[in-house]
Amino acid sequence: MVEELFNDVKRHREAANLTQIGLAERMGVSRKTVNTVENGVFAPSIVVALKFAKALDVSVEALFQLRD
């Protein structure tokens, strides 16, 4: 069984009325980091996942899940 990391960052970012640049600035990362995570190109480190959660005021589990 192969598990894949699913993320719901884009939906939460849009619900917060933030652009990728705005979210990146809140997190102290580049827009490219936000973009690559949103598009599933890059799986974030624990630290970056926690930054996403804090910046969007949601739990890490609300943003990232493992799927079969």
N, C-alpha and C. Protein backbone atom coordinates (compact mmCIF):
# COMPACT_ATOMS: atom_id res chain seq x y z
N MET A 1 0.85 -1.18 0.00
CA MET A 1 0.00 0.00 0.00
C MET A 1 0.90 1.24 0.00
N VAL A 2 0.66 2.13 -0.95
CA VAL A 2 1.41 3.37 -1.05
C VAL A 2 0.52 4.51 -0.57
N GLU A 3 1.03 5.25 0.40
CA GLU A 3 0.29 6.40 0.91
C GLU A 3 0.81 7.68 0.28
N GLU A 4 -0.10 8.59 0.05
CA GLU A 4 0.23 9.86 -0.57
C GLU A 4 -0.19 10.99 0.36
N LEU A 5 0.61 12.03 0.39
CA LEU A 5 0.27 13.19 1.21
C LEU A 5 -0.68 14.09 0.44
N PHE A 6 -1.87 14.29 1.00
CA PHE A 6 -2.86 15.21 0.44
C PHE A 6 -2.81 16.49 1.26
N ASN A 7 -2.97 17.63 0.59
CA ASN A 7 -3.03 18.87 1.35
C ASN A 7 -4.22 19.71 0.92
N ASP A 8 -4.72 20.46 1.87
CA ASP A 8 -5.88 21.33 1.67
C ASP A 8 -5.48 22.79 1.92
N VAL A 9 -4.22 23.09 1.64
CA VAL A 9 -3.69 24.43 1.90
C VAL A 9 -4.41 25.49 1.07
N LYS A 10 -4.58 25.23 -0.22
CA LYS A 10 -5.18 26.23 -1.10
C LYS A 10 -6.58 26.62 -0.63
N ARG A 11 -7.40 25.65 -0.27
CA ARG A 11 -8.76 25.95 0.17
C ARG A 11 -8.75 26.82 1.42
N HIS A 12 -7.89 26.47 2.38
CA HIS A 12 -7.81 27.25 3.61
C HIS A 12 -7.22 28.64 3.35
N ARG A 13 -6.25 28.73 2.45
CA ARG A 13 -5.66 30.03 2.10
C ARG A 13 -6.72 30.93 1.47
N GLU A 14 -7.47 30.39 0.53
CA GLU A 14 -8.50 31.17 -0.14
C GLU A 14 -9.61 31.57 0.84
N ALA A 15 -9.97 30.67 1.76
CA ALA A 15 -10.99 31.00 2.77
C ALA A 15 -10.53 32.14 3.67
N ALA A 16 -9.22 32.26 3.85
CA ALA A 16 -8.65 33.34 4.67
C ALA A 16 -8.42 34.61 3.84
N ASN A 17 -8.84 34.58 2.57
CA ASN A 17 -8.66 35.71 1.66
C ASN A 17 -7.20 36.13 1.54
N LEU A 18 -6.33 35.14 1.42
CA LEU A 18 -4.90 35.40 1.27
C LEU A 18 -4.43 34.96 -0.11
N THR A 19 -3.52 35.73 -0.67
CA THR A 19 -2.81 35.29 -1.87
C THR A 19 -1.66 34.40 -1.44
N GLN A 20 -1.04 33.74 -2.40
CA GLN A 20 0.16 32.96 -2.06
C GLN A 20 1.23 33.86 -1.48
N ILE A 21 1.37 35.05 -2.02
CA ILE A 21 2.37 35.99 -1.50
C ILE A 21 2.03 36.40 -0.07
N GLY A 22 0.77 36.70 0.18
CA GLY A 22 0.35 37.09 1.53
C GLY A 22 0.60 35.99 2.55
N LEU A 23 0.29 34.75 2.18
CA LEU A 23 0.54 33.62 3.09
C LEU A 23 2.04 33.43 3.29
N ALA A 24 2.80 33.52 2.23
CA ALA A 24 4.25 33.38 2.33
C ALA A 24 4.84 34.42 3.27
N GLU A 25 4.37 35.65 3.18
CA GLU A 25 4.87 36.72 4.05
C GLU A 25 4.53 36.42 5.51
N ARG A 26 3.33 35.93 5.77
CA ARG A 26 2.95 35.56 7.15
C ARG A 26 3.85 34.46 7.70
N MET A 27 4.26 33.56 6.82
CA MET A 27 5.04 32.40 7.25
C MET A 27 6.54 32.65 7.27
N GLY A 28 6.98 33.66 6.54
CA GLY A 28 8.41 33.90 6.43
C GLY A 28 9.09 32.95 5.46
N VAL A 29 8.33 32.55 4.41
CA VAL A 29 8.87 31.67 3.37
C VAL A 29 8.63 32.33 2.02
N SER A 30 9.10 31.71 0.96
CA SER A 30 8.90 32.27 -0.38
C SER A 30 7.53 31.87 -0.93
N ARG A 31 7.05 32.64 -1.90
CA ARG A 31 5.81 32.29 -2.59
C ARG A 31 5.96 30.94 -3.27
N LYS A 32 7.14 30.66 -3.77
CA LYS A 32 7.39 29.38 -4.44
C LYS A 32 7.18 28.21 -3.48
N THR A 33 7.55 28.38 -2.22
CA THR A 33 7.32 27.32 -1.23
C THR A 33 5.83 27.07 -1.08
N VAL A 34 5.05 28.13 -0.96
CA VAL A 34 3.60 27.99 -0.83
C VAL A 34 3.05 27.30 -2.08
N ASN A 35 3.47 27.75 -3.25
CA ASN A 35 2.98 27.19 -4.50
C ASN A 35 3.31 25.71 -4.64
N THR A 36 4.54 25.33 -4.36
CA THR A 36 4.92 23.93 -4.55
C THR A 36 4.25 23.01 -3.55
N VAL A 37 4.00 23.49 -2.34
CA VAL A 37 3.27 22.68 -1.36
C VAL A 37 1.81 22.56 -1.80
N GLU A 38 1.17 23.66 -2.16
CA GLU A 38 -0.22 23.63 -2.61
C GLU A 38 -0.42 22.65 -3.77
N ASN A 39 0.53 22.61 -4.68
CA ASN A 39 0.41 21.77 -5.86
C ASN A 39 0.94 20.35 -5.66
N GLY A 40 1.34 20.02 -4.45
CA GLY A 40 1.79 18.66 -4.16
C GLY A 40 3.13 18.30 -4.74
N VAL A 41 3.89 19.30 -5.17
CA VAL A 41 5.22 19.06 -5.72
C VAL A 41 6.22 18.80 -4.60
N PHE A 42 5.99 19.42 -3.46
CA PHE A 42 6.91 19.41 -2.34
C PHE A 42 6.14 19.07 -1.07
N ALA A 43 6.62 18.08 -0.32
CA ALA A 43 6.04 17.75 0.98
C ALA A 43 6.78 18.58 2.03
N PRO A 44 6.07 19.38 2.80
CA PRO A 44 6.76 20.26 3.73
C PRO A 44 7.37 19.53 4.91
N SER A 45 8.41 20.11 5.48
CA SER A 45 8.97 19.61 6.72
C SER A 45 7.95 19.85 7.83
N ILE A 46 8.19 19.26 8.97
CA ILE A 46 7.29 19.48 10.11
C ILE A 46 7.24 20.96 10.46
N VAL A 47 8.38 21.61 10.46
CA VAL A 47 8.44 23.04 10.80
C VAL A 47 7.60 23.86 9.82
N VAL A 48 7.73 23.60 8.53
CA VAL A 48 6.97 24.35 7.54
C VAL A 48 5.48 24.02 7.65
N ALA A 49 5.13 22.77 7.89
CA ALA A 49 3.72 22.39 8.08
C ALA A 49 3.13 23.14 9.28
N LEU A 50 3.89 23.26 10.35
CA LEU A 50 3.42 24.00 11.52
C LEU A 50 3.27 25.49 11.21
N LYS A 51 4.16 26.04 10.39
CA LYS A 51 4.04 27.44 9.98
C LYS A 51 2.76 27.66 9.17
N PHE A 52 2.45 26.72 8.26
CA PHE A 52 1.20 26.81 7.50
C PHE A 52 0.01 26.83 8.45
N ALA A 53 -0.01 25.90 9.38
CA ALA A 53 -1.13 25.79 10.31
C ALA A 53 -1.29 27.06 11.14
N LYS A 54 -0.18 27.57 11.65
CA LYS A 54 -0.24 28.79 12.47
C LYS A 54 -0.71 29.98 11.65
N ALA A 55 -0.18 30.14 10.45
CA ALA A 55 -0.53 31.28 9.60
C ALA A 55 -2.00 31.24 9.18
N LEU A 56 -2.55 30.03 9.04
CA LEU A 56 -3.94 29.88 8.61
C LEU A 56 -4.89 29.65 9.77
N ASP A 57 -4.35 29.57 10.99
CA ASP A 57 -5.13 29.38 12.20
C ASP A 57 -5.99 28.12 12.15
N VAL A 58 -5.37 27.02 11.70
CA VAL A 58 -6.01 25.71 11.66
C VAL A 58 -5.01 24.67 12.16
N SER A 59 -5.48 23.47 12.39
CA SER A 59 -4.58 22.40 12.82
C SER A 59 -3.79 21.86 11.63
N VAL A 60 -2.67 21.26 11.91
CA VAL A 60 -1.88 20.61 10.85
C VAL A 60 -2.72 19.53 10.18
N GLU A 61 -3.52 18.81 10.98
CA GLU A 61 -4.35 17.75 10.44
C GLU A 61 -5.42 18.27 9.49
N ALA A 62 -5.85 19.52 9.67
CA ALA A 62 -6.81 20.11 8.75
C ALA A 62 -6.18 20.40 7.39
N LEU A 63 -4.87 20.57 7.38
CA LEU A 63 -4.16 20.91 6.15
C LEU A 63 -3.56 19.71 5.44
N PHE A 64 -3.08 18.73 6.19
CA PHE A 64 -2.34 17.61 5.60
C PHE A 64 -2.86 16.28 6.10
N GLN A 65 -3.10 15.35 5.15
CA GLN A 65 -3.54 14.00 5.49
C GLN A 65 -2.84 12.99 4.60
N LEU A 66 -2.67 11.78 5.12
CA LEU A 66 -2.16 10.67 4.31
C LEU A 66 -3.35 9.96 3.69
N ARG A 67 -3.25 9.66 2.41
CA ARG A 67 -4.31 8.97 1.69
C ARG A 67 -3.73 7.75 0.98
N ASP A 68 -4.54 6.72 0.91
CA ASP A 68 -4.13 5.50 0.18
C ASP A 68 -4.23 5.72 -1.31
